[in-house]
């Protein structure tokens, strides 16, 4: 009878543990993704280990593997939901350049290591899978929506030029930290870059307008 009771209690305990795992999974996944995003942003893809992510998230690395498969799968999850910038596109065209620059700099100044974009850029420098993911993400998430909003001749080229300006800023200010860009006060940087981005949006960076390739 004692053995039967213990076995019954064990089954009940295991069942409760499984129910707890199911109930807690979304929270655990979120903790893992947030820890991974921070470490990928700080260290890049190659130097970030599953063990370190597990330690930061407070979970066993084996649990990470069961949720995401491997490090590449986890990395993909950290950038799977890029931030929309539809609210930035809404508004007067003549101030769109400033709105784009303000959003990019303000967000990344506050939490550069934790943003999916910065983590992806850092990792893309040393990992081809991350580089390919970045190549696929930028047109879909940024260039194409911006070009659609701009419309007209050379819209894709103009949007791509804006992307290049912001991408260069990300590398120089947040990753390699090249001076004076790395420590330039935010308001000065915004006031300096906004007219450049607006000129690119309007196709006025040269004496001739952009023409489709």
N, C-alpha and C. Protein backbone atom coordinates (compact mmCIF):
# COMPACT_ATOMS: atom_id res chain seq x y z
N UNK A 1 0.83 -1.21 0.00
CA UNK A 1 0.00 0.00 0.00
C UNK A 1 0.87 1.26 0.00
N UNK A 2 1.97 1.21 0.81
CA UNK A 2 2.85 2.36 0.88
C UNK A 2 3.46 2.66 -0.47
N UNK A 3 3.89 1.61 -1.19
CA UNK A 3 4.48 1.82 -2.51
C UNK A 3 3.45 2.38 -3.48
N UNK A 4 2.24 1.86 -3.43
CA UNK A 4 1.19 2.34 -4.32
C UNK A 4 0.88 3.81 -4.05
N UNK A 5 0.87 4.18 -2.76
CA UNK A 5 0.58 5.57 -2.40
C UNK A 5 1.69 6.49 -2.92
N UNK A 6 2.94 6.05 -2.72
CA UNK A 6 4.07 6.87 -3.18
C UNK A 6 4.04 7.03 -4.71
N UNK A 7 3.70 5.94 -5.41
CA UNK A 7 3.64 6.01 -6.86
C UNK A 7 2.53 6.97 -7.31
N UNK A 8 1.40 6.92 -6.60
CA UNK A 8 0.29 7.81 -6.92
C UNK A 8 0.69 9.27 -6.70
N UNK A 9 1.39 9.51 -5.57
CA UNK A 9 1.83 10.86 -5.27
C UNK A 9 2.85 11.35 -6.31
N UNK A 10 3.71 10.43 -6.77
CA UNK A 10 4.72 10.79 -7.76
C UNK A 10 4.06 11.19 -9.08
N UNK A 11 3.02 10.37 -9.48
CA UNK A 11 2.32 10.70 -10.71
C UNK A 11 1.62 12.05 -10.60
N UNK A 12 1.03 12.29 -9.46
CA UNK A 12 0.34 13.57 -9.25
C UNK A 12 1.33 14.73 -9.30
N UNK A 13 2.51 14.51 -8.70
CA UNK A 13 3.53 15.54 -8.69
C UNK A 13 4.04 15.82 -10.09
N UNK A 14 4.26 14.76 -10.86
CA UNK A 14 4.73 14.91 -12.24
C UNK A 14 3.68 15.63 -13.10
N UNK A 15 2.41 15.27 -12.87
CA UNK A 15 1.35 15.93 -13.61
C UNK A 15 1.29 17.41 -13.29
N UNK A 16 1.43 17.76 -12.01
CA UNK A 16 1.43 19.16 -11.61
C UNK A 16 2.60 19.90 -12.21
N UNK A 17 3.78 19.22 -12.26
CA UNK A 17 4.96 19.84 -12.84
C UNK A 17 4.75 20.12 -14.32
N UNK A 18 4.13 19.15 -15.02
CA UNK A 18 3.88 19.36 -16.45
C UNK A 18 2.90 20.50 -16.67
N UNK A 19 1.86 20.56 -15.82
CA UNK A 19 0.90 21.65 -15.96
C UNK A 19 1.56 22.98 -15.68
N UNK A 20 2.48 22.99 -14.69
CA UNK A 20 3.20 24.22 -14.37
C UNK A 20 4.07 24.65 -15.53
N UNK A 21 4.72 23.67 -16.19
CA UNK A 21 5.57 23.99 -17.32
C UNK A 21 4.77 24.61 -18.45
N UNK A 22 3.61 24.00 -18.73
CA UNK A 22 2.76 24.54 -19.79
C UNK A 22 2.30 25.95 -19.44
N UNK A 23 1.86 26.12 -18.18
CA UNK A 23 1.35 27.41 -17.76
C UNK A 23 2.44 28.47 -17.79
N UNK A 24 3.68 28.10 -17.46
CA UNK A 24 4.76 29.06 -17.35
C UNK A 24 5.53 29.25 -18.65
N UNK A 25 5.25 28.46 -19.66
CA UNK A 25 6.07 28.50 -20.87
C UNK A 25 6.13 29.88 -21.51
N UNK A 26 5.02 30.58 -21.71
CA UNK A 26 5.13 31.90 -22.34
C UNK A 26 6.05 32.84 -21.57
N UNK A 27 5.95 32.82 -20.24
CA UNK A 27 6.82 33.68 -19.44
C UNK A 27 8.28 33.27 -19.54
N UNK A 28 8.50 31.96 -19.57
CA UNK A 28 9.88 31.48 -19.69
C UNK A 28 10.45 31.80 -21.06
N UNK A 29 9.64 31.63 -22.09
CA UNK A 29 10.11 31.96 -23.43
C UNK A 29 10.47 33.44 -23.52
N UNK A 30 9.62 34.29 -22.95
CA UNK A 30 9.89 35.72 -22.98
C UNK A 30 11.18 36.05 -22.23
N UNK A 31 11.40 35.42 -21.08
CA UNK A 31 12.63 35.66 -20.31
C UNK A 31 13.85 35.22 -21.10
N UNK A 32 13.75 34.09 -21.79
CA UNK A 32 14.86 33.58 -22.59
C UNK A 32 15.15 34.53 -23.75
N UNK A 33 14.11 34.97 -24.44
CA UNK A 33 14.29 35.87 -25.59
C UNK A 33 14.90 37.19 -25.14
N UNK A 34 14.43 37.73 -24.03
CA UNK A 34 14.97 39.00 -23.55
C UNK A 34 16.43 38.87 -23.15
N UNK A 35 16.78 37.76 -22.47
CA UNK A 35 18.17 37.53 -22.08
C UNK A 35 19.04 37.34 -23.31
N UNK A 36 18.54 36.59 -24.28
CA UNK A 36 19.29 36.34 -25.51
C UNK A 36 19.50 37.63 -26.28
N UNK A 37 18.47 38.45 -26.36
CA UNK A 37 18.57 39.71 -27.10
C UNK A 37 19.64 40.61 -26.50
N UNK A 38 19.67 40.66 -25.17
CA UNK A 38 20.68 41.48 -24.51
C UNK A 38 22.08 40.96 -24.78
N UNK A 39 22.26 39.65 -24.64
CA UNK A 39 23.60 39.07 -24.84
C UNK A 39 24.03 39.13 -26.29
N UNK A 40 23.12 38.87 -27.22
CA UNK A 40 23.47 38.99 -28.63
C UNK A 40 23.87 40.43 -28.95
N UNK A 41 23.16 41.38 -28.36
CA UNK A 41 23.48 42.79 -28.59
C UNK A 41 24.82 43.18 -28.00
N UNK A 42 25.16 42.62 -26.85
CA UNK A 42 26.41 42.98 -26.18
C UNK A 42 27.61 42.23 -26.74
N UNK A 43 27.42 40.95 -27.06
CA UNK A 43 28.55 40.09 -27.42
C UNK A 43 28.59 39.67 -28.88
N UNK A 44 27.46 39.78 -29.58
CA UNK A 44 27.39 39.25 -30.92
C UNK A 44 27.01 37.78 -30.90
N UNK A 45 26.75 37.24 -32.08
CA UNK A 45 26.25 35.86 -32.18
C UNK A 45 27.29 34.85 -31.75
N UNK A 46 28.51 34.97 -32.25
CA UNK A 46 29.52 33.94 -32.04
C UNK A 46 29.89 33.79 -30.57
N UNK A 47 29.99 34.88 -29.85
CA UNK A 47 30.46 34.84 -28.46
C UNK A 47 29.36 34.53 -27.45
N UNK A 48 28.12 34.57 -27.89
CA UNK A 48 27.01 34.28 -26.99
C UNK A 48 26.76 32.77 -26.95
N UNK A 49 26.70 32.20 -25.74
CA UNK A 49 26.48 30.76 -25.60
C UNK A 49 25.10 30.49 -25.01
N UNK A 50 24.61 29.30 -25.29
CA UNK A 50 23.33 28.88 -24.72
C UNK A 50 23.42 28.83 -23.19
N UNK A 51 24.57 28.42 -22.68
CA UNK A 51 24.74 28.35 -21.23
C UNK A 51 24.62 29.74 -20.61
N UNK A 52 25.25 30.74 -21.25
CA UNK A 52 25.18 32.10 -20.73
C UNK A 52 23.75 32.64 -20.79
N UNK A 53 23.05 32.33 -21.85
CA UNK A 53 21.65 32.77 -21.97
C UNK A 53 20.80 32.11 -20.90
N UNK A 54 21.01 30.81 -20.69
CA UNK A 54 20.26 30.12 -19.65
C UNK A 54 20.51 30.72 -18.29
N UNK A 55 21.78 31.04 -18.02
CA UNK A 55 22.12 31.63 -16.72
C UNK A 55 21.45 32.98 -16.56
N UNK A 56 21.45 33.80 -17.61
CA UNK A 56 20.84 35.13 -17.53
C UNK A 56 19.33 35.04 -17.38
N UNK A 57 18.73 34.03 -18.02
CA UNK A 57 17.27 33.88 -17.97
C UNK A 57 16.81 33.07 -16.76
N UNK A 58 17.77 32.43 -16.07
CA UNK A 58 17.40 31.61 -14.91
C UNK A 58 16.77 30.29 -15.28
N UNK A 59 17.18 29.71 -16.42
CA UNK A 59 16.64 28.42 -16.85
C UNK A 59 17.78 27.51 -17.27
N UNK A 60 17.47 26.22 -17.35
CA UNK A 60 18.45 25.24 -17.82
C UNK A 60 18.62 25.39 -19.33
N UNK A 61 19.87 25.34 -19.84
CA UNK A 61 20.09 25.43 -21.29
C UNK A 61 19.31 24.38 -22.07
N UNK A 62 19.07 23.21 -21.45
CA UNK A 62 18.30 22.18 -22.14
C UNK A 62 16.88 22.64 -22.42
N UNK A 63 16.35 23.49 -21.55
CA UNK A 63 15.00 24.02 -21.77
C UNK A 63 14.98 24.94 -22.98
N UNK A 64 16.05 25.70 -23.16
CA UNK A 64 16.15 26.59 -24.32
C UNK A 64 16.11 25.76 -25.60
N UNK A 65 16.88 24.66 -25.60
CA UNK A 65 16.92 23.79 -26.77
C UNK A 65 15.55 23.20 -27.06
N UNK A 66 14.82 22.85 -26.02
CA UNK A 66 13.50 22.25 -26.22
C UNK A 66 12.50 23.28 -26.77
N UNK A 67 12.70 24.56 -26.45
CA UNK A 67 11.80 25.61 -26.93
C UNK A 67 12.17 26.09 -28.34
N UNK A 68 13.48 26.27 -28.58
CA UNK A 68 13.92 26.96 -29.80
C UNK A 68 14.78 26.09 -30.72
N UNK A 69 15.13 24.90 -30.30
CA UNK A 69 15.90 24.00 -31.14
C UNK A 69 17.40 24.16 -30.98
N UNK A 70 17.92 25.32 -31.32
CA UNK A 70 19.34 25.58 -31.20
C UNK A 70 19.56 27.10 -31.12
N UNK A 71 20.82 27.50 -31.10
CA UNK A 71 21.11 28.92 -30.96
C UNK A 71 20.60 29.72 -32.15
N UNK A 72 20.70 29.15 -33.34
CA UNK A 72 20.22 29.86 -34.52
C UNK A 72 18.72 30.09 -34.45
N UNK A 73 17.99 29.07 -33.96
CA UNK A 73 16.55 29.23 -33.82
C UNK A 73 16.20 30.28 -32.78
N UNK A 74 16.95 30.31 -31.70
CA UNK A 74 16.72 31.31 -30.66
C UNK A 74 17.03 32.70 -31.19
N UNK A 75 18.13 32.82 -31.93
CA UNK A 75 18.48 34.12 -32.49
C UNK A 75 17.37 34.62 -33.40
N UNK A 76 16.84 33.73 -34.23
CA UNK A 76 15.76 34.12 -35.13
C UNK A 76 14.56 34.63 -34.34
N UNK A 77 14.29 34.01 -33.19
CA UNK A 77 13.14 34.43 -32.37
C UNK A 77 13.36 35.83 -31.79
N UNK A 78 14.61 36.21 -31.53
CA UNK A 78 14.87 37.51 -30.93
C UNK A 78 14.61 38.66 -31.89
N UNK A 79 14.63 38.36 -33.19
CA UNK A 79 14.40 39.43 -34.17
C UNK A 79 13.16 39.15 -35.02
N UNK A 80 12.34 38.24 -34.55
CA UNK A 80 11.17 37.82 -35.34
C UNK A 80 10.08 38.88 -35.37
N UNK A 81 10.07 39.79 -34.41
CA UNK A 81 9.01 40.78 -34.34
C UNK A 81 9.60 42.18 -34.32
N UNK A 82 10.14 42.64 -35.46
CA UNK A 82 10.72 43.99 -35.50
C UNK A 82 9.65 45.04 -35.26
N UNK A 83 10.08 46.14 -34.72
CA UNK A 83 9.14 47.21 -34.37
C UNK A 83 8.59 47.88 -35.62
N UNK A 84 7.31 48.12 -35.60
CA UNK A 84 6.69 48.84 -36.69
C UNK A 84 6.98 50.34 -36.55
N UNK A 85 7.07 51.04 -37.68
CA UNK A 85 7.27 52.48 -37.61
C UNK A 85 6.18 53.21 -38.40
N UNK A 86 5.00 52.58 -38.47
CA UNK A 86 3.89 53.20 -39.18
C UNK A 86 3.50 54.54 -38.58
N UNK A 87 3.63 54.66 -37.26
CA UNK A 87 3.28 55.93 -36.62
C UNK A 87 4.25 57.04 -37.03
N UNK A 88 5.50 56.66 -37.35
CA UNK A 88 6.47 57.65 -37.81
C UNK A 88 6.12 58.13 -39.22
N UNK A 89 5.64 57.21 -40.04
CA UNK A 89 5.29 57.56 -41.41
C UNK A 89 4.09 58.50 -41.46
N UNK A 90 3.21 58.39 -40.47
CA UNK A 90 2.03 59.24 -40.44
C UNK A 90 2.43 60.66 -40.06
N UNK A 91 2.08 61.60 -40.88
CA UNK A 91 2.44 62.99 -40.59
C UNK A 91 2.92 63.70 -41.83
N UNK A 92 3.25 64.98 -41.71
CA UNK A 92 3.68 65.77 -42.87
C UNK A 92 4.96 65.20 -43.50
N UNK A 93 4.98 65.15 -44.82
CA UNK A 93 6.15 64.63 -45.53
C UNK A 93 7.40 65.48 -45.24
N UNK A 94 7.23 66.77 -45.11
CA UNK A 94 8.39 67.65 -44.96
C UNK A 94 9.12 67.48 -43.63
N UNK A 95 8.51 66.79 -42.67
CA UNK A 95 9.19 66.52 -41.39
C UNK A 95 9.44 65.04 -41.17
N UNK A 96 9.24 64.22 -42.20
CA UNK A 96 9.44 62.78 -42.06
C UNK A 96 10.89 62.44 -41.72
N UNK A 97 11.82 63.14 -42.32
CA UNK A 97 13.23 62.88 -42.03
C UNK A 97 13.55 63.06 -40.56
N UNK A 98 13.05 64.10 -39.99
CA UNK A 98 13.30 64.35 -38.58
C UNK A 98 12.64 63.29 -37.70
N UNK A 99 11.42 62.88 -38.05
CA UNK A 99 10.73 61.87 -37.25
C UNK A 99 11.49 60.54 -37.29
N UNK A 100 11.99 60.17 -38.46
CA UNK A 100 12.75 58.92 -38.58
C UNK A 100 14.03 58.97 -37.74
N UNK A 101 14.74 60.07 -37.82
CA UNK A 101 16.00 60.21 -37.08
C UNK A 101 15.73 60.24 -35.58
N UNK A 102 14.72 60.98 -35.17
CA UNK A 102 14.40 61.06 -33.75
C UNK A 102 14.04 59.68 -33.19
N UNK A 103 13.21 58.92 -33.89
CA UNK A 103 12.83 57.60 -33.41
C UNK A 103 14.06 56.69 -33.30
N UNK A 104 14.86 56.67 -34.34
CA UNK A 104 16.02 55.76 -34.37
C UNK A 104 17.00 56.10 -33.25
N UNK A 105 17.35 57.35 -33.12
CA UNK A 105 18.37 57.73 -32.13
C UNK A 105 17.82 57.62 -30.72
N UNK A 106 16.62 58.10 -30.49
CA UNK A 106 16.06 58.06 -29.13
C UNK A 106 15.93 56.63 -28.62
N UNK A 107 15.40 55.76 -29.45
CA UNK A 107 15.21 54.37 -29.03
C UNK A 107 16.54 53.69 -28.76
N UNK A 108 17.49 53.84 -29.66
CA UNK A 108 18.75 53.12 -29.51
C UNK A 108 19.66 53.76 -28.47
N UNK A 109 19.56 55.04 -28.25
CA UNK A 109 20.33 55.66 -27.17
C UNK A 109 19.89 55.10 -25.82
N UNK A 110 18.61 54.84 -25.68
CA UNK A 110 18.08 54.38 -24.39
C UNK A 110 18.35 52.91 -24.14
N UNK A 111 18.34 52.09 -25.18
CA UNK A 111 18.45 50.65 -24.98
C UNK A 111 19.15 49.97 -26.14
N UNK A 112 20.31 50.49 -26.52
CA UNK A 112 20.99 49.96 -27.72
C UNK A 112 21.26 48.47 -27.64
N UNK A 113 21.70 47.97 -26.48
CA UNK A 113 22.06 46.56 -26.39
C UNK A 113 20.86 45.64 -26.48
N UNK A 114 19.68 46.18 -26.21
CA UNK A 114 18.49 45.33 -26.13
C UNK A 114 17.61 45.39 -27.37
N UNK A 115 17.91 46.25 -28.33
CA UNK A 115 17.05 46.33 -29.49
C UNK A 115 17.39 45.21 -30.47
N UNK A 116 16.37 44.59 -31.08
CA UNK A 116 16.63 43.51 -32.03
C UNK A 116 17.54 43.94 -33.17
N UNK A 117 17.37 45.19 -33.63
CA UNK A 117 18.16 45.65 -34.78
C UNK A 117 19.65 45.70 -34.44
N UNK A 118 19.99 46.28 -33.30
CA UNK A 118 21.41 46.39 -32.94
C UNK A 118 22.00 45.01 -32.69
N UNK A 119 21.24 44.13 -32.05
CA UNK A 119 21.73 42.76 -31.84
C UNK A 119 21.98 42.07 -33.17
N UNK A 120 21.09 42.30 -34.13
CA UNK A 120 21.24 41.66 -35.43
C UNK A 120 22.44 42.22 -36.19
N UNK A 121 22.61 43.53 -36.15
CA UNK A 121 23.75 44.14 -36.85
C UNK A 121 25.07 43.66 -36.26
N UNK A 122 25.16 43.65 -34.94
CA UNK A 122 26.40 43.18 -34.30
C UNK A 122 26.68 41.74 -34.68
N UNK A 123 25.68 40.91 -34.64
CA UNK A 123 25.88 39.50 -34.95
C UNK A 123 26.19 39.27 -36.42
N UNK A 124 25.62 40.11 -37.29
CA UNK A 124 25.84 39.95 -38.73
C UNK A 124 27.29 40.20 -39.11
N UNK A 125 28.03 40.89 -38.26
CA UNK A 125 29.44 41.16 -38.55
C UNK A 125 30.30 39.91 -38.50
N UNK A 126 29.83 38.89 -37.78
CA UNK A 126 30.66 37.69 -37.60
C UNK A 126 29.94 36.40 -37.97
N UNK A 127 28.67 36.49 -38.35
CA UNK A 127 27.90 35.28 -38.62
C UNK A 127 27.09 35.44 -39.90
N UNK A 128 27.29 34.53 -40.85
CA UNK A 128 26.63 34.64 -42.14
C UNK A 128 25.12 34.45 -42.04
N UNK A 129 24.67 33.57 -41.14
CA UNK A 129 23.23 33.38 -40.97
C UNK A 129 22.57 34.66 -40.50
N UNK A 130 23.22 35.36 -39.57
CA UNK A 130 22.68 36.63 -39.11
C UNK A 130 22.73 37.68 -40.21
N UNK A 131 23.80 37.66 -41.01
CA UNK A 131 23.91 38.61 -42.12
C UNK A 131 22.79 38.39 -43.13
N UNK A 132 22.50 37.13 -43.42
CA UNK A 132 21.44 36.82 -44.37
C UNK A 132 20.08 37.25 -43.82
N UNK A 133 19.89 37.06 -42.52
CA UNK A 133 18.63 37.47 -41.90
C UNK A 133 18.47 38.98 -41.99
N UNK A 134 19.57 39.70 -41.81
CA UNK A 134 19.54 41.16 -41.91
C UNK A 134 19.24 41.59 -43.35
N UNK A 135 19.83 40.90 -44.32
CA UNK A 135 19.58 41.23 -45.73
C UNK A 135 18.11 41.04 -46.09
N UNK A 136 17.48 40.05 -45.48
CA UNK A 136 16.07 39.79 -45.77
C UNK A 136 15.15 40.73 -45.00
N UNK A 137 15.55 41.11 -43.80
CA UNK A 137 14.69 41.90 -42.94
C UNK A 137 14.61 43.36 -43.37
N UNK A 138 15.73 43.97 -43.71
CA UNK A 138 15.76 45.40 -43.99
C UNK A 138 14.83 45.80 -45.13
N UNK A 139 14.86 45.11 -46.27
CA UNK A 139 13.92 45.50 -47.34
C UNK A 139 12.46 45.36 -46.92
N UNK A 140 12.14 44.26 -46.25
CA UNK A 140 10.75 44.00 -45.90
C UNK A 140 10.23 44.93 -44.82
N UNK A 141 11.04 45.17 -43.80
CA UNK A 141 10.59 45.91 -42.62
C UNK A 141 10.74 47.41 -42.80
N UNK A 142 11.77 47.84 -43.53
CA UNK A 142 12.04 49.28 -43.58
C UNK A 142 11.96 49.87 -44.99
N UNK A 143 12.77 49.35 -45.91
CA UNK A 143 12.89 49.99 -47.22
C UNK A 143 11.58 49.97 -48.00
N UNK A 144 10.94 48.82 -48.09
CA UNK A 144 9.71 48.72 -48.88
C UNK A 144 8.56 49.56 -48.32
N UNK A 145 8.29 49.50 -47.00
CA UNK A 145 7.22 50.37 -46.48
C UNK A 145 7.52 51.85 -46.68
N UNK A 146 8.80 52.23 -46.49
CA UNK A 146 9.16 53.63 -46.66
C UNK A 146 9.02 54.05 -48.12
N UNK A 147 9.46 53.19 -49.04
CA UNK A 147 9.35 53.50 -50.47
C UNK A 147 7.88 53.62 -50.89
N UNK A 148 7.04 52.77 -50.35
CA UNK A 148 5.61 52.84 -50.67
C UNK A 148 5.03 54.15 -50.20
N UNK A 149 5.45 54.59 -49.03
CA UNK A 149 4.97 55.87 -48.51
C UNK A 149 5.47 57.04 -49.36
N UNK A 150 6.71 56.96 -49.82
CA UNK A 150 7.28 58.05 -50.61
C UNK A 150 6.64 58.14 -51.98
N UNK A 151 6.55 56.99 -52.66
CA UNK A 151 6.00 56.97 -54.00
C UNK A 151 6.86 57.75 -54.98
N UNK A 152 6.47 57.72 -56.21
CA UNK A 152 7.17 58.50 -57.22
C UNK A 152 8.44 57.85 -57.73
N UNK A 153 9.12 58.56 -58.59
CA UNK A 153 10.32 58.06 -59.24
C UNK A 153 11.46 57.87 -58.25
N UNK A 154 12.12 56.73 -58.31
CA UNK A 154 13.28 56.48 -57.47
C UNK A 154 12.95 56.28 -56.00
N UNK A 155 11.71 55.90 -55.67
CA UNK A 155 11.32 55.77 -54.26
C UNK A 155 12.15 54.71 -53.53
N UNK A 156 12.38 53.58 -54.19
CA UNK A 156 13.16 52.50 -53.54
C UNK A 156 14.60 52.96 -53.30
N UNK A 157 15.18 53.66 -54.27
CA UNK A 157 16.54 54.14 -54.13
C UNK A 157 16.64 55.17 -53.00
N UNK A 158 15.65 56.06 -52.91
CA UNK A 158 15.66 57.06 -51.84
C UNK A 158 15.52 56.40 -50.48
N UNK A 159 14.61 55.43 -50.37
CA UNK A 159 14.44 54.72 -49.11
C UNK A 159 15.71 53.94 -48.74
N UNK A 160 16.35 53.37 -49.73
CA UNK A 160 17.58 52.62 -49.48
C UNK A 160 18.69 53.53 -49.00
N UNK A 161 18.74 54.74 -49.53
CA UNK A 161 19.76 55.69 -49.08
C UNK A 161 19.52 56.09 -47.62
N UNK A 162 18.27 56.29 -47.25
CA UNK A 162 17.96 56.59 -45.85
C UNK A 162 18.39 55.43 -44.96
N UNK A 163 18.11 54.21 -45.40
CA UNK A 163 18.54 53.05 -44.64
C UNK A 163 20.06 53.04 -44.46
N UNK A 164 20.79 53.38 -45.51
CA UNK A 164 22.25 53.39 -45.42
C UNK A 164 22.74 54.43 -44.42
N UNK A 165 22.09 55.58 -44.38
CA UNK A 165 22.48 56.61 -43.41
C UNK A 165 22.27 56.11 -41.99
N UNK A 166 21.10 55.53 -41.72
CA UNK A 166 20.79 55.05 -40.37
C UNK A 166 21.64 53.83 -40.01
N UNK A 167 21.90 52.98 -40.99
CA UNK A 167 22.75 51.81 -40.73
C UNK A 167 24.16 52.26 -40.36
N UNK A 168 24.69 53.22 -41.09
CA UNK A 168 26.01 53.74 -40.76
C UNK A 168 26.04 54.36 -39.38
N UNK A 169 24.96 55.04 -39.01
CA UNK A 169 24.87 55.61 -37.68
C UNK A 169 24.89 54.52 -36.62
N UNK A 170 24.16 53.43 -36.87
CA UNK A 170 24.11 52.33 -35.90
C UNK A 170 25.51 51.77 -35.65
N UNK A 171 26.26 51.57 -36.72
CA UNK A 171 27.61 51.00 -36.58
C UNK A 171 28.54 51.96 -35.86
N UNK A 172 28.51 53.22 -36.25
CA UNK A 172 29.48 54.18 -35.69
C UNK A 172 29.14 54.61 -34.27
N UNK A 173 27.84 54.71 -33.94
CA UNK A 173 27.46 55.21 -32.61
C UNK A 173 27.29 54.10 -31.58
N UNK A 174 26.75 52.97 -31.99
CA UNK A 174 26.38 51.95 -31.01
C UNK A 174 27.27 50.70 -31.01
N UNK A 175 27.91 50.42 -32.12
CA UNK A 175 28.71 49.19 -32.19
C UNK A 175 30.21 49.46 -32.09
N UNK A 176 30.77 50.12 -33.08
CA UNK A 176 32.20 50.41 -33.04
C UNK A 176 32.50 51.63 -32.17
N UNK A 177 31.53 52.50 -32.03
CA UNK A 177 31.63 53.70 -31.19
C UNK A 177 32.78 54.60 -31.65
N UNK A 178 32.61 55.11 -32.86
CA UNK A 178 33.59 56.02 -33.45
C UNK A 178 33.27 57.45 -33.02
N UNK A 179 34.26 58.15 -32.50
CA UNK A 179 34.07 59.54 -32.13
C UNK A 179 34.21 60.45 -33.35
N UNK A 180 33.50 61.58 -33.37
CA UNK A 180 32.66 62.13 -32.30
C UNK A 180 31.23 61.60 -32.30
N UNK A 181 30.89 60.70 -33.24
CA UNK A 181 29.51 60.22 -33.32
C UNK A 181 29.06 59.51 -32.06
N UNK A 182 29.98 58.76 -31.43
CA UNK A 182 29.60 57.92 -30.29
C UNK A 182 29.11 58.74 -29.10
N UNK A 183 29.68 59.90 -28.89
CA UNK A 183 29.31 60.68 -27.70
C UNK A 183 28.64 62.01 -28.04
N UNK A 184 28.31 62.22 -29.29
CA UNK A 184 27.66 63.47 -29.67
C UNK A 184 26.30 63.58 -28.96
N UNK A 185 26.01 64.72 -28.36
CA UNK A 185 24.71 64.89 -27.69
C UNK A 185 23.56 64.59 -28.65
N UNK A 186 22.53 63.98 -28.12
CA UNK A 186 21.43 63.51 -28.95
C UNK A 186 20.79 64.62 -29.76
N UNK A 187 20.53 65.76 -29.14
CA UNK A 187 19.84 66.83 -29.86
C UNK A 187 20.68 67.37 -31.00
N UNK A 188 22.00 67.45 -30.80
CA UNK A 188 22.87 67.94 -31.87
C UNK A 188 22.90 66.94 -33.02
N UNK A 189 22.97 65.67 -32.67
CA UNK A 189 23.01 64.63 -33.69
C UNK A 189 21.71 64.62 -34.51
N UNK A 190 20.59 64.74 -33.83
CA UNK A 190 19.30 64.76 -34.52
C UNK A 190 19.21 65.96 -35.45
N UNK A 191 19.60 67.13 -34.94
CA UNK A 191 19.52 68.34 -35.74
C UNK A 191 20.45 68.30 -36.95
N UNK A 192 21.56 67.56 -36.82
CA UNK A 192 22.53 67.46 -37.92
C UNK A 192 22.06 66.47 -38.97
N UNK A 193 21.54 65.33 -38.53
CA UNK A 193 21.17 64.27 -39.46
C UNK A 193 19.81 64.47 -40.12
N UNK A 194 18.89 65.09 -39.42
CA UNK A 194 17.53 65.22 -39.94
C UNK A 194 17.47 65.87 -41.32
N UNK A 195 18.19 66.99 -41.56
CA UNK A 195 18.13 67.58 -42.90
C UNK A 195 18.73 66.66 -43.97
N UNK A 196 19.76 65.88 -43.61
CA UNK A 196 20.36 64.95 -44.57
C UNK A 196 19.37 63.86 -44.97
N UNK A 197 18.70 63.32 -43.97
CA UNK A 197 17.72 62.27 -44.25
C UNK A 197 16.55 62.83 -45.04
N UNK A 198 16.12 64.04 -44.70
CA UNK A 198 15.01 64.65 -45.44
C UNK A 198 15.40 64.89 -46.90
N UNK A 199 16.65 65.32 -47.12
CA UNK A 199 17.12 65.52 -48.49
C UNK A 199 17.13 64.22 -49.27
N UNK A 200 17.53 63.13 -48.60
CA UNK A 200 17.52 61.82 -49.25
C UNK A 200 16.09 61.39 -49.58
N UNK A 201 15.18 61.62 -48.67
CA UNK A 201 13.78 61.28 -48.91
C UNK A 201 13.22 62.04 -50.11
N UNK A 202 13.62 63.29 -50.23
CA UNK A 202 13.09 64.15 -51.29
C UNK A 202 13.86 64.00 -52.60
N UNK A 203 14.95 63.20 -52.58
CA UNK A 203 15.74 63.05 -53.79
C UNK A 203 16.54 64.28 -54.15
N UNK A 204 16.97 65.03 -53.14
CA UNK A 204 17.67 66.29 -53.39
C UNK A 204 19.12 66.25 -52.94
N UNK A 205 19.71 65.05 -52.86
CA UNK A 205 21.08 64.94 -52.39
C UNK A 205 22.09 65.26 -53.48
N UNK A 206 21.66 65.31 -54.71
CA UNK A 206 22.53 65.70 -55.82
C UNK A 206 21.78 66.68 -56.70
N UNK A 207 22.44 67.17 -57.73
CA UNK A 207 21.78 68.12 -58.62
C UNK A 207 20.68 67.46 -59.45
N UNK A 208 20.80 66.11 -59.58
CA UNK A 208 19.78 65.38 -60.33
C UNK A 208 18.96 64.52 -59.39
N UNK A 209 17.70 64.32 -59.72
CA UNK A 209 16.84 63.48 -58.91
C UNK A 209 17.19 62.01 -59.11
N UNK A 210 16.82 61.17 -58.15
CA UNK A 210 17.02 59.74 -58.28
C UNK A 210 16.16 59.21 -59.42
N UNK A 211 16.71 58.28 -60.14
CA UNK A 211 15.95 57.61 -61.18
C UNK A 211 15.99 56.12 -60.92
N UNK A 212 14.93 55.39 -61.27
CA UNK A 212 14.91 53.95 -61.03
C UNK A 212 16.06 53.25 -61.73
N UNK A 213 16.59 52.21 -61.09
CA UNK A 213 17.67 51.44 -61.69
C UNK A 213 17.14 50.66 -62.89
